[in-house]
PDB file of N, CA and C in Angstrom:
ATOM      1  N   UNK A   1      -5.562 -13.011   1.659  1.00  0.00           N
ATOM      2  CA  UNK A   1      -4.850 -14.040   1.186  1.00  0.00           C
ATOM      3  C   UNK A   1      -3.549 -14.150   1.738  1.00  0.00           C
ATOM      4  N   UNK A   2      -2.959 -15.241   2.296  1.00  0.00           N
ATOM      5  CA  UNK A   2      -1.470 -15.259   2.659  1.00  0.00           C
ATOM      6  C   UNK A   2      -0.885 -16.197   1.765  1.00  0.00           C
ATOM      7  N   UNK A   3       0.337 -15.554   1.332  1.00  0.00           N
ATOM      8  CA  UNK A   3       1.241 -16.216   0.612  1.00  0.00           C
ATOM      9  C   UNK A   3       1.803 -17.533   1.136  1.00  0.00           C
ATOM     10  N   UNK A   4       1.918 -18.668   0.276  1.00  0.00           N
ATOM     11  CA  UNK A   4       2.734 -19.781   0.775  1.00  0.00           C
ATOM     12  C   UNK A   4       4.225 -19.449   0.464  1.00  0.00           C
ATOM     13  N   UNK A   5       4.591 -20.344   1.196  1.00  0.00           N
ATOM     14  CA  UNK A   5       6.633 -20.231   0.902  1.00  0.00           C
ATOM     15  C   UNK A   5       6.788 -20.667  -0.301  1.00  0.00           C
ATOM     16  N   UNK A   6       6.022 -21.459  -0.997  1.00  0.00           N
ATOM     17  CA  UNK A   6       6.347 -22.031  -2.358  1.00  0.00           C
ATOM     18  C   UNK A   6       6.099 -20.849  -3.390  1.00  0.00           C
ATOM     19  N   UNK A   7       5.234 -20.219  -3.141  1.00  0.00           N
ATOM     20  CA  UNK A   7       4.867 -18.647  -3.881  1.00  0.00           C
ATOM     21  C   UNK A   7       5.975 -17.827  -3.714  1.00  0.00           C
ATOM     22  N   UNK A   8       6.398 -17.520  -2.364  1.00  0.00           N
ATOM     23  CA  UNK A   8       7.368 -16.770  -2.167  1.00  0.00           C
ATOM     24  C   UNK A   8       8.802 -17.173  -2.658  1.00  0.00           C
ATOM     25  N   UNK A   9       8.997 -18.706  -2.828  1.00  0.00           N
ATOM     26  CA  UNK A   9      10.146 -19.193  -3.325  1.00  0.00           C
ATOM     27  C   UNK A   9      10.288 -18.843  -4.827  1.00  0.00           C
ATOM     28  N   UNK A  10       9.113 -19.023  -5.598  1.00  0.00           N
ATOM     29  CA  UNK A  10       9.118 -18.571  -6.925  1.00  0.00           C
ATOM     30  C   UNK A  10       9.353 -17.088  -7.275  1.00  0.00           C
ATOM     31  N   UNK A  11       9.107 -16.221  -6.380  1.00  0.00           N
ATOM     32  CA  UNK A  11       9.036 -14.926  -6.575  1.00  0.00           C
ATOM     33  C   UNK A  11      10.705 -14.567  -6.500  1.00  0.00           C
ATOM     34  N   UNK A  12      11.395 -15.368  -5.780  1.00  0.00           N
ATOM     35  CA  UNK A  12      12.738 -15.012  -5.569  1.00  0.00           C
ATOM     36  C   UNK A  12      13.633 -16.031  -6.574  1.00  0.00           C
ATOM     37  N   UNK A  13      13.082 -16.754  -7.428  1.00  0.00           N
ATOM     38  CA  UNK A  13      13.561 -17.588  -8.164  1.00  0.00           C
ATOM     39  C   UNK A  13      14.641 -18.639  -7.771  1.00  0.00           C
ATOM     40  N   UNK A  14      14.059 -19.075  -6.380  1.00  0.00           N
ATOM     41  CA  UNK A  14      14.848 -20.009  -5.469  1.00  0.00           C
ATOM     42  C   UNK A  14      13.866 -21.318  -5.499  1.00  0.00           C
ATOM     43  N   UNK A  15      14.524 -22.517  -5.247  1.00  0.00           N
ATOM     44  CA  UNK A  15      13.759 -23.771  -5.046  1.00  0.00           C
ATOM     45  C   UNK A  15      13.056 -23.594  -3.727  1.00  0.00           C
ATOM     46  N   UNK A  16      12.189 -24.356  -3.509  1.00  0.00           N
ATOM     47  CA  UNK A  16      11.414 -24.501  -2.170  1.00  0.00           C
ATOM     48  C   UNK A  16      12.465 -24.670  -1.173  1.00  0.00           C
ATOM     49  N   UNK A  17      13.481 -25.785  -1.484  1.00  0.00           N
ATOM     50  CA  UNK A  17      14.445 -25.997  -0.402  1.00  0.00           C
ATOM     51  C   UNK A  17      15.293 -24.859  -0.155  1.00  0.00           C
ATOM     52  N   UNK A  18      15.827 -24.063  -1.277  1.00  0.00           N
ATOM     53  CA  UNK A  18      16.911 -23.027  -0.927  1.00  0.00           C
ATOM     54  C   UNK A  18      16.164 -22.033  -0.276  1.00  0.00           C
ATOM     55  N   UNK A  19      14.768 -21.676  -0.638  1.00  0.00           N
ATOM     56  CA  UNK A  19      14.235 -20.715   0.424  1.00  0.00           C
ATOM     57  C   UNK A  19      14.029 -21.269   1.835  1.00  0.00           C
ATOM     58  N   UNK A  20      13.597 -22.249   2.150  1.00  0.00           N
ATOM     59  CA  UNK A  20      13.843 -22.685   3.411  1.00  0.00           C
ATOM     60  C   UNK A  20      15.128 -22.838   4.105  1.00  0.00           C
ATOM     61  N   UNK A  21      15.987 -23.145   3.376  1.00  0.00           N
ATOM     62  CA  UNK A  21      17.614 -22.990   4.110  1.00  0.00           C
ATOM     63  C   UNK A  21      17.606 -21.537   4.123  1.00  0.00           C
ATOM     64  N   UNK A  22      17.373 -20.602   3.356  1.00  0.00           N
ATOM     65  CA  UNK A  22      17.854 -19.203   3.589  1.00  0.00           C
ATOM     66  C   UNK A  22      17.027 -18.673   4.590  1.00  0.00           C
ATOM     67  N   UNK A  23      15.676 -19.043   4.837  1.00  0.00           N
ATOM     68  CA  UNK A  23      14.936 -18.260   5.784  1.00  0.00           C
ATOM     69  C   UNK A  23      14.832 -18.883   7.130  1.00  0.00           C
ATOM     70  N   UNK A  24      15.144 -20.527   7.400  1.00  0.00           N
ATOM     71  CA  UNK A  24      14.757 -21.110   8.538  1.00  0.00           C
ATOM     72  C   UNK A  24      16.147 -21.351   9.173  1.00  0.00           C
ATOM     73  N   UNK A  25      17.276 -21.566   8.585  1.00  0.00           N
ATOM     74  CA  UNK A  25      18.405 -22.003   9.235  1.00  0.00           C
ATOM     75  C   UNK A  25      19.739 -21.107   9.169  1.00  0.00           C
ATOM     76  N   UNK A  26      19.517 -19.897   8.564  1.00  0.00           N
ATOM     77  CA  UNK A  26      20.707 -19.212   8.385  1.00  0.00           C
ATOM     78  C   UNK A  26      21.233 -18.341   9.849  1.00  0.00           C
ATOM     79  N   UNK A  27      19.996 -18.122  10.474  1.00  0.00           N
ATOM     80  CA  UNK A  27      20.008 -17.329  11.865  1.00  0.00           C
ATOM     81  C   UNK A  27      20.889 -15.935  11.575  1.00  0.00           C
ATOM     82  N   UNK A  28      20.792 -15.437  10.601  1.00  0.00           N
ATOM     83  CA  UNK A  28      21.146 -14.027  10.147  1.00  0.00           C
ATOM     84  C   UNK A  28      20.146 -13.527   9.219  1.00  0.00           C
ATOM     85  N   UNK A  29      19.603 -12.268   9.697  1.00  0.00           N
ATOM     86  CA  UNK A  29      18.956 -11.395   9.205  1.00  0.00           C
ATOM     87  C   UNK A  29      19.298 -11.046   7.605  1.00  0.00           C
ATOM     88  N   UNK A  30      18.472 -11.112   6.676  1.00  0.00           N
ATOM     89  CA  UNK A  30      18.589 -10.896   5.165  1.00  0.00           C
ATOM     90  C   UNK A  30      17.046 -10.476   4.361  1.00  0.00           C
ATOM     91  N   UNK A  31      17.387  -9.913   3.294  1.00  0.00           N
ATOM     92  CA  UNK A  31      16.498  -9.724   2.628  1.00  0.00           C
ATOM     93  C   UNK A  31      16.756  -9.514   1.084  1.00  0.00           C
ATOM     94  N   UNK A  32      15.842  -9.609   0.294  1.00  0.00           N
ATOM     95  CA  UNK A  32      15.932  -9.723  -1.166  1.00  0.00           C
ATOM     96  C   UNK A  32      14.965  -8.800  -1.817  1.00  0.00           C
ATOM     97  N   UNK A  33      15.215  -7.875  -2.789  1.00  0.00           N
ATOM     98  CA  UNK A  33      14.160  -7.073  -3.193  1.00  0.00           C
ATOM     99  C   UNK A  33      14.117  -7.469  -4.818  1.00  0.00           C
ATOM    100  N   UNK A  34      13.199  -7.623  -5.441  1.00  0.00           N
ATOM    101  CA  UNK A  34      13.119  -7.962  -6.631  1.00  0.00           C
ATOM    102  C   UNK A  34      12.902  -6.769  -7.315  1.00  0.00           C
ATOM    103  N   UNK A  35      12.966  -6.763  -8.746  1.00  0.00           N
ATOM    104  CA  UNK A  35      12.813  -5.644  -9.700  1.00  0.00           C
ATOM    105  C   UNK A  35      11.460  -5.528 -10.090  1.00  0.00           C
ATOM    106  N   UNK A  36      10.638  -6.586 -10.334  1.00  0.00           N
ATOM    107  CA  UNK A  36       9.336  -6.495 -10.801  1.00  0.00           C
ATOM    108  C   UNK A  36       9.465  -6.576 -12.168  1.00  0.00           C
ATOM    109  N   UNK A  37       8.225  -6.491 -12.937  1.00  0.00           N
ATOM    110  CA  UNK A  37       8.160  -6.753 -14.260  1.00  0.00           C
ATOM    111  C   UNK A  37       6.814  -5.628 -14.733  1.00  0.00           C
ATOM    112  N   UNK A  38       6.577  -5.794 -15.896  1.00  0.00           N
ATOM    113  CA  UNK A  38       5.357  -5.129 -16.535  1.00  0.00           C
ATOM    114  C   UNK A  38       3.869  -5.833 -15.887  1.00  0.00           C
ATOM    115  N   UNK A  39       4.253  -6.950 -15.523  1.00  0.00           N
ATOM    116  CA  UNK A  39       2.868  -7.776 -15.031  1.00  0.00           C
ATOM    117  C   UNK A  39       3.171  -8.320 -13.513  1.00  0.00           C
ATOM    118  N   UNK A  40       4.414  -7.861 -12.743  1.00  0.00           N
ATOM    119  CA  UNK A  40       4.434  -8.226 -11.528  1.00  0.00           C
ATOM    120  C   UNK A  40       5.026  -7.416 -10.451  1.00  0.00           C
ATOM    121  N   UNK A  41       4.447  -6.812  -9.649  1.00  0.00           N
ATOM    122  CA  UNK A  41       5.048  -5.957  -8.512  1.00  0.00           C
ATOM    123  C   UNK A  41       6.188  -6.406  -7.878  1.00  0.00           C
ATOM    124  N   UNK A  42       7.042  -5.423  -7.865  1.00  0.00           N
ATOM    125  CA  UNK A  42       8.279  -5.654  -7.035  1.00  0.00           C
ATOM    126  C   UNK A  42       7.968  -5.939  -5.685  1.00  0.00           C
ATOM    127  N   UNK A  43       8.866  -6.917  -5.116  1.00  0.00           N
ATOM    128  CA  UNK A  43       8.566  -7.265  -3.544  1.00  0.00           C
ATOM    129  C   UNK A  43       9.904  -7.427  -2.873  1.00  0.00           C
ATOM    130  N   UNK A  44       9.912  -7.200  -1.680  1.00  0.00           N
ATOM    131  CA  UNK A  44      10.852  -7.331  -0.783  1.00  0.00           C
ATOM    132  C   UNK A  44      10.467  -8.473   0.187  1.00  0.00           C
ATOM    133  N   UNK A  45      11.345  -9.373   0.221  1.00  0.00           N
ATOM    134  CA  UNK A  45      11.084 -10.739   1.257  1.00  0.00           C
ATOM    135  C   UNK A  45      12.318 -10.456   2.208  1.00  0.00           C
ATOM    136  N   UNK A  46      11.967 -10.573   3.369  1.00  0.00           N
ATOM    137  CA  UNK A  46      12.533 -10.477   4.596  1.00  0.00           C
ATOM    138  C   UNK A  46      12.610 -11.380   5.356  1.00  0.00           C
ATOM    139  N   UNK A  47      13.813 -12.100   6.081  1.00  0.00           N
ATOM    140  CA  UNK A  47      14.100 -13.202   6.835  1.00  0.00           C
ATOM    141  C   UNK A  47      14.763 -12.638   8.066  1.00  0.00           C
ATOM    142  N   UNK A  48      14.222 -13.220   9.124  1.00  0.00           N
ATOM    143  CA  UNK A  48      15.078 -12.913  10.519  1.00  0.00           C
ATOM    144  C   UNK A  48      16.109 -14.109  10.451  1.00  0.00           C
ATOM    145  N   UNK A  49      15.892 -15.118   9.639  1.00  0.00           N
ATOM    146  CA  UNK A  49      17.002 -16.250   9.692  1.00  0.00           C
ATOM    147  C   UNK A  49      16.528 -17.398  10.393  1.00  0.00           C
ATOM    148  N   UNK A  50      15.571 -17.049  11.316  1.00  0.00           N
ATOM    149  CA  UNK A  50      15.134 -18.011  12.261  1.00  0.00           C
ATOM    150  C   UNK A  50      13.538 -18.651  11.948  1.00  0.00           C
ATOM    151  N   UNK A  51      13.399 -18.281  11.061  1.00  0.00           N
ATOM    152  CA  UNK A  51      11.835 -19.022  10.385  1.00  0.00           C
ATOM    153  C   UNK A  51      10.842 -17.711  10.117  1.00  0.00           C
ATOM    154  N   UNK A  52      11.216 -16.719  10.589  1.00  0.00           N
ATOM    155  CA  UNK A  52      10.183 -15.585  10.342  1.00  0.00           C
ATOM    156  C   UNK A  52      10.508 -14.823   8.937  1.00  0.00           C
ATOM    157  N   UNK A  53       9.275 -14.557   8.291  1.00  0.00           N
ATOM    158  CA  UNK A  53       9.472 -14.004   7.089  1.00  0.00           C
ATOM    159  C   UNK A  53       8.254 -12.950   6.928  1.00  0.00           C
ATOM    160  N   UNK A  54       8.540 -12.013   6.143  1.00  0.00           N
ATOM    161  CA  UNK A  54       7.694 -10.809   6.008  1.00  0.00           C
ATOM    162  C   UNK A  54       7.950 -10.547   4.421  1.00  0.00           C
ATOM    163  N   UNK A  55       6.724 -10.263   3.836  1.00  0.00           N
ATOM    164  CA  UNK A  55       6.695  -9.739   2.210  1.00  0.00           C
ATOM    165  C   UNK A  55       6.207  -8.698   2.077  1.00  0.00           C
ATOM    166  N   UNK A  56       6.926  -7.419   1.490  1.00  0.00           N
ATOM    167  CA  UNK A  56       6.448  -6.232   1.293  1.00  0.00           C
ATOM    168  C   UNK A  56       6.174  -5.945  -0.263  1.00  0.00           C
ATOM    169  N   UNK A  57       5.116  -5.882  -0.665  1.00  0.00           N
ATOM    170  CA  UNK A  57       4.822  -5.645  -2.192  1.00  0.00           C
ATOM    171  C   UNK A  57       4.582  -4.010  -2.431  1.00  0.00           C
ATOM    172  N   UNK A  58       5.322  -3.562  -3.609  1.00  0.00           N
ATOM    173  CA  UNK A  58       5.173  -2.175  -4.094  1.00  0.00           C
ATOM    174  C   UNK A  58       3.666  -1.898  -4.526  1.00  0.00           C
ATOM    175  N   UNK A  59       3.524  -0.717  -4.179  1.00  0.00           N
ATOM    176  CA  UNK A  59       1.960  -0.323  -4.245  1.00  0.00           C
ATOM    177  C   UNK A  59       1.049  -0.811  -3.349  1.00  0.00           C
ATOM    178  N   UNK A  60      -0.328  -0.180  -3.336  1.00  0.00           N
ATOM    179  CA  UNK A  60      -1.157  -0.778  -2.316  1.00  0.00           C
ATOM    180  C   UNK A  60      -2.384  -0.190  -2.779  1.00  0.00           C
ATOM    181  N   UNK A  61      -3.752  -1.301  -2.056  1.00  0.00           N
ATOM    182  CA  UNK A  61      -4.917  -0.736  -2.673  1.00  0.00           C
ATOM    183  C   UNK A  61      -5.169   0.615  -1.827  1.00  0.00           C
ATOM    184  N   UNK A  62      -5.073   0.716  -0.636  1.00  0.00           N
ATOM    185  CA  UNK A  62      -5.638   2.109  -0.224  1.00  0.00           C
ATOM    186  C   UNK A  62      -4.550   3.218  -0.422  1.00  0.00           C
ATOM    187  N   UNK A  63      -3.386   2.912  -0.375  1.00  0.00           N
ATOM    188  CA  UNK A  63      -2.397   4.214  -0.687  1.00  0.00           C
ATOM    189  C   UNK A  63      -1.871   4.209  -2.095  1.00  0.00           C
ATOM    190  N   UNK A  64      -2.290   3.355  -2.879  1.00  0.00           N
ATOM    191  CA  UNK A  64      -1.821   3.402  -4.391  1.00  0.00           C
ATOM    192  C   UNK A  64      -0.426   3.378  -4.587  1.00  0.00           C
ATOM    193  N   UNK A  65       0.223   4.417  -5.078  1.00  0.00           N
ATOM    194  CA  UNK A  65       1.679   4.505  -5.613  1.00  0.00           C
ATOM    195  C   UNK A  65       2.247   5.016  -4.478  1.00  0.00           C
ATOM    196  N   UNK A  66       1.792   5.564  -3.184  1.00  0.00           N
ATOM    197  CA  UNK A  66       2.685   5.979  -2.286  1.00  0.00           C
ATOM    198  C   UNK A  66       2.602   4.941  -1.200  1.00  0.00           C
ATOM    199  N   UNK A  67       2.211   3.565  -1.123  1.00  0.00           N
ATOM    200  CA  UNK A  67       2.246   2.661  -0.257  1.00  0.00           C
ATOM    201  C   UNK A  67       2.639   1.322  -0.573  1.00  0.00           C
ATOM    202  N   UNK A  68       2.837   0.549   0.347  1.00  0.00           N
ATOM    203  CA  UNK A  68       3.218  -0.835   0.136  1.00  0.00           C
ATOM    204  C   UNK A  68       2.209  -1.883   0.728  1.00  0.00           C
ATOM    205  N   UNK A  69       2.051  -3.208   0.379  1.00  0.00           N
ATOM    206  CA  UNK A  69       1.322  -4.026   0.954  1.00  0.00           C
ATOM    207  C   UNK A  69       1.967  -5.056   1.909  1.00  0.00           C
ATOM    208  N   UNK A  70       1.725  -4.985   2.925  1.00  0.00           N
ATOM    209  CA  UNK A  70       2.473  -6.161   3.922  1.00  0.00           C
ATOM    210  C   UNK A  70       1.688  -7.450   3.817  1.00  0.00           C
ATOM    211  N   UNK A  71       2.423  -8.482   3.231  1.00  0.00           N
ATOM    212  CA  UNK A  71       1.638  -9.433   3.046  1.00  0.00           C
ATOM    213  C   UNK A  71       1.843 -10.618   3.991  1.00  0.00           C
ATOM    214  N   UNK A  72       0.805 -11.545   4.377  1.00  0.00           N
ATOM    215  CA  UNK A  72       1.152 -12.408   5.508  1.00  0.00           C
ATOM    216  C   UNK A  72       1.444 -13.711   4.665  1.00  0.00           C
ATOM    217  N   UNK A  73       2.369 -14.524   5.551  1.00  0.00           N
ATOM    218  CA  UNK A  73       2.744 -15.757   5.053  1.00  0.00           C
ATOM    219  C   UNK A  73       1.978 -16.758   5.708  1.00  0.00           C
ATOM    220  N   UNK A  74       1.619 -17.736   4.809  1.00  0.00           N
ATOM    221  CA  UNK A  74       1.122 -18.959   5.617  1.00  0.00           C
ATOM    222  C   UNK A  74       1.653 -19.605   6.672  1.00  0.00           C
ATOM    223  N   UNK A  75       1.048 -19.912   7.600  1.00  0.00           N
ATOM    224  CA  UNK A  75       1.582 -20.656   8.644  1.00  0.00           C
ATOM    225  C   UNK A  75       2.651 -19.887   9.754  1.00  0.00           C
ATOM    226  N   UNK A  76       2.688 -18.539   9.116  1.00  0.00           N
ATOM    227  CA  UNK A  76       3.731 -17.635  10.062  1.00  0.00           C
ATOM    228  C   UNK A  76       2.928 -16.710  10.961  1.00  0.00           C
ATOM    229  N   UNK A  77       3.183 -16.597  12.229  1.00  0.00           N
ATOM    230  CA  UNK A  77       2.583 -15.558  12.785  1.00  0.00           C
ATOM    231  C   UNK A  77       3.498 -14.417  13.385  1.00  0.00           C
ATOM    232  N   UNK A  78       4.699 -14.594  13.077  1.00  0.00           N
ATOM    233  CA  UNK A  78       5.628 -13.552  13.399  1.00  0.00           C
ATOM    234  C   UNK A  78       6.576 -13.665  12.707  1.00  0.00           C
ATOM    235  N   UNK A  79       7.738 -12.219  12.651  1.00  0.00           N
ATOM    236  CA  UNK A  79       8.841 -12.246  12.130  1.00  0.00           C
ATOM    237  C   UNK A  79       9.763 -10.822  12.925  1.00  0.00           C
ATOM    238  N   UNK A  80      10.888 -11.262  13.429  1.00  0.00           N
ATOM    239  CA  UNK A  80      11.544 -10.108  14.308  1.00  0.00           C
ATOM    240  C   UNK A  80      12.207  -9.377  13.161  1.00  0.00           C
ATOM    241  N   UNK A  81      12.429  -7.891  13.508  1.00  0.00           N
ATOM    242  CA  UNK A  81      13.263  -7.255  12.730  1.00  0.00           C
ATOM    243  C   UNK A  81      13.775  -6.069  13.198  1.00  0.00           C
ATOM    244  N   UNK A  82      15.232  -5.901  13.143  1.00  0.00           N
ATOM    245  CA  UNK A  82      15.759  -4.500  13.501  1.00  0.00           C
ATOM    246  C   UNK A  82      15.087  -3.243  13.178  1.00  0.00           C
ATOM    247  N   UNK A  83      14.943  -2.407  13.924  1.00  0.00           N
ATOM    248  CA  UNK A  83      14.523  -1.185  13.587  1.00  0.00           C
ATOM    249  C   UNK A  83      15.216  -0.239  12.375  1.00  0.00           C
ATOM    250  N   UNK A  84      16.515  -0.239  12.410  1.00  0.00           N
ATOM    251  CA  UNK A  84      17.322   0.508  11.574  1.00  0.00           C
ATOM    252  C   UNK A  84      17.138  -0.399  10.222  1.00  0.00           C
ATOM    253  N   UNK A  85      17.260  -1.593  10.346  1.00  0.00           N
ATOM    254  CA  UNK A  85      17.240  -2.299   8.764  1.00  0.00           C
ATOM    255  C   UNK A  85      15.862  -2.240   8.124  1.00  0.00           C
ATOM    256  N   UNK A  86      14.387  -2.009   9.103  1.00  0.00           N
ATOM    257  CA  UNK A  86      13.382  -1.973   8.637  1.00  0.00           C
ATOM    258  C   UNK A  86      13.258  -0.549   8.084  1.00  0.00           C
ATOM    259  N   UNK A  87      13.743   0.690   8.552  1.00  0.00           N
ATOM    260  CA  UNK A  87      13.530   1.792   8.023  1.00  0.00           C
ATOM    261  C   UNK A  87      14.533   1.734   6.649  1.00  0.00           C
ATOM    262  N   UNK A  88      15.706   1.149   6.722  1.00  0.00           N
ATOM    263  CA  UNK A  88      16.627   1.202   5.545  1.00  0.00           C
ATOM    264  C   UNK A  88      15.925   0.568   4.196  1.00  0.00           C
ATOM    265  N   UNK A  89      15.193  -0.672   4.626  1.00  0.00           N
ATOM    266  CA  UNK A  89      14.171  -1.369   3.691  1.00  0.00           C
ATOM    267  C   UNK A  89      12.974  -0.592   3.095  1.00  0.00           C
ATOM    268  N   UNK A  90      12.497   0.101   4.022  1.00  0.00           N
ATOM    269  CA  UNK A  90      11.506   1.086   3.605  1.00  0.00           C
ATOM    270  C   UNK A  90      11.918   2.249   2.803  1.00  0.00           C
ATOM    271  N   UNK A  91      13.089   2.633   2.941  1.00  0.00           N
ATOM    272  CA  UNK A  91      13.509   3.714   2.147  1.00  0.00           C
ATOM    273  C   UNK A  91      13.959   2.973   0.718  1.00  0.00           C
ATOM    274  N   UNK A  92      14.477   1.792   0.616  1.00  0.00           N
ATOM    275  CA  UNK A  92      14.993   1.401  -0.476  1.00  0.00           C
ATOM    276  C   UNK A  92      13.669   0.672  -1.443  1.00  0.00           C
ATOM    277  N   UNK A  93      12.368   0.338  -0.707  1.00  0.00           N
ATOM    278  CA  UNK A  93      11.207   0.174  -1.232  1.00  0.00           C
ATOM    279  C   UNK A  93      10.799   1.247  -2.141  1.00  0.00           C
ATOM    280  N   UNK A  94      10.919   2.444  -1.384  1.00  0.00           N
ATOM    281  CA  UNK A  94      10.389   3.569  -1.667  1.00  0.00           C
ATOM    282  C   UNK A  94      11.105   3.898  -3.251  1.00  0.00           C
ATOM    283  N   UNK A  95      12.138   3.777  -3.458  1.00  0.00           N
ATOM    284  CA  UNK A  95      12.743   4.040  -4.636  1.00  0.00           C
ATOM    285  C   UNK A  95      12.454   3.058  -5.599  1.00  0.00           C
ATOM    286  N   UNK A  96      12.527   1.645  -5.324  1.00  0.00           N
ATOM    287  CA  UNK A  96      11.944   0.716  -6.291  1.00  0.00           C
ATOM    288  C   UNK A  96      10.525   0.763  -6.572  1.00  0.00           C
ATOM    289  N   UNK A  97       9.813   1.243  -5.838  1.00  0.00           N
ATOM    290  CA  UNK A  97       8.275   1.366  -6.226  1.00  0.00           C
ATOM    291  C   UNK A  97       8.044   2.495  -7.285  1.00  0.00           C
ATOM    292  N   UNK A  98       8.885   3.733  -6.977  1.00  0.00           N
ATOM    293  CA  UNK A  98       8.736   4.760  -7.669  1.00  0.00           C
ATOM    294  C   UNK A  98       9.453   4.448  -9.214  1.00  0.00           C
ATOM    295  N   UNK A  99      10.645   3.667  -9.287  1.00  0.00           N
ATOM    296  CA  UNK A  99      10.946   3.245 -10.698  1.00  0.00           C
ATOM    297  C   UNK A  99      10.316   2.424 -11.466  1.00  0.00           C
ATOM    298  N   UNK A 100       9.600   1.325 -10.538  1.00  0.00           N
ATOM    299  CA  UNK A 100       8.844   0.394 -11.063  1.00  0.00           C
ATOM    300  C   UNK A 100       7.596   1.109 -11.603  1.00  0.00           C
ATOM    301  N   UNK A 101       7.065   2.033 -10.831  1.00  0.00           N
ATOM    302  CA  UNK A 101       5.551   2.544 -11.333  1.00  0.00           C
ATOM    303  C   UNK A 101       6.053   3.546 -12.611  1.00  0.00           C
ATOM    304  N   UNK A 102       7.048   3.982 -12.772  1.00  0.00           N
ATOM    305  CA  UNK A 102       7.551   4.859 -14.095  1.00  0.00           C
ATOM    306  C   UNK A 102       7.645   4.103 -15.021  1.00  0.00           C
ATOM    307  N   UNK A 103       8.370   2.771 -14.640  1.00  0.00           N
ATOM    308  CA  UNK A 103       8.356   1.757 -15.845  1.00  0.00           C
ATOM    309  C   UNK A 103       6.982   1.130 -16.403  1.00  0.00           C
ATOM    310  N   UNK A 104       6.487   0.911 -15.356  1.00  0.00           N
ATOM    311  CA  UNK A 104       5.055   0.323 -15.721  1.00  0.00           C
ATOM    312  C   UNK A 104       4.172   1.546 -16.474  1.00  0.00           C
ATOM    313  N   UNK A 105       4.209   2.927 -16.219  1.00  0.00           N
ATOM    314  CA  UNK A 105       3.563   3.940 -16.719  1.00  0.00           C
ATOM    315  C   UNK A 105       3.896   4.207 -18.232  1.00  0.00           C
ATOM    316  N   UNK A 106       5.179   3.801 -18.459  1.00  0.00           N
ATOM    317  CA  UNK A 106       5.477   4.067 -19.908  1.00  0.00           C
ATOM    318  C   UNK A 106       5.828   2.738 -20.701  1.00  0.00           C
ATOM    319  N   UNK A 107       5.593   1.659 -20.428  1.00  0.00           N
ATOM    320  CA  UNK A 107       5.497   0.460 -20.976  1.00  0.00           C
ATOM    321  C   UNK A 107       4.319   0.111 -21.927  1.00  0.00           C
ATOM    322  N   UNK A 108       4.726  -0.080 -22.915  1.00  0.00           N
ATOM    323  CA  UNK A 108       4.028  -0.392 -24.240  1.00  0.00           C
ATOM    324  C   UNK A 108       3.365  -1.749 -24.174  1.00  0.00           C
ATOM    325  N   UNK A 109       2.203  -2.080 -23.735  1.00  0.00           N
ATOM    326  CA  UNK A 109       1.810  -3.585 -23.528  1.00  0.00           C
ATOM    327  C   UNK A 109       1.210  -3.773 -25.073  1.00  0.00           C
ATOM    328  N   UNK A 110       0.637  -2.909 -25.852  1.00  0.00           N
ATOM    329  CA  UNK A 110       0.388  -3.357 -27.010  1.00  0.00           C
ATOM    330  C   UNK A 110       1.400  -3.985 -27.822  1.00  0.00           C
ATOM    331  N   UNK A 111       2.725  -3.295 -27.887  1.00  0.00           N
ATOM    332  CA  UNK A 111       3.798  -3.783 -28.608  1.00  0.00           C
ATOM    333  C   UNK A 111       4.360  -4.992 -28.328  1.00  0.00           C
ATOM    334  N   UNK A 112       4.214  -5.106 -26.938  1.00  0.00           N
ATOM    335  CA  UNK A 112       4.541  -6.630 -26.445  1.00  0.00           C
ATOM    336  C   UNK A 112       3.832  -7.628 -26.996  1.00  0.00           C
ATOM    337  N   UNK A 113       2.441  -7.576 -26.937  1.00  0.00           N
ATOM    338  CA  UNK A 113       1.520  -8.362 -27.456  1.00  0.00           C
ATOM    339  C   UNK A 113       1.799  -8.903 -28.694  1.00  0.00           C
ATOM    340  N   UNK A 114       1.800  -7.809 -29.681  1.00  0.00           N
ATOM    341  CA  UNK A 114       1.853  -8.037 -31.066  1.00  0.00           C
ATOM    342  C   UNK A 114       3.181  -8.647 -31.424  1.00  0.00           C
ATOM    343  N   UNK A 115       4.201  -8.625 -30.455  1.00  0.00           N
ATOM    344  CA  UNK A 115       5.520  -9.429 -30.797  1.00  0.00           C
ATOM    345  C   UNK A 115       5.435 -10.841 -30.505  1.00  0.00           C
TER     346      UNK A 115
END
């Protein structure tokens, strides 16, 4: 299932219009990596600044804690990315994924529900 642009904007705590301005008319590549929470996986949202967007979500069904899920974006069939920046993003996501998994494995869900 593809993510909608509105869903991605929400993940980034941006309004829909802020998200569109960021990804469709900046003409500069950029990315945002979220921290995640006990209930939501961290993501990296990358834009080429010309309408292309890709979302990388920590963890994966196949590779579990050693993988990422590349999420498609509704109505988008492409995204350009510089190889060096893609490698840098993957290295950052590996670190974020590791930290998030450590947090989730040690999070006390019962204590939060009781509060």
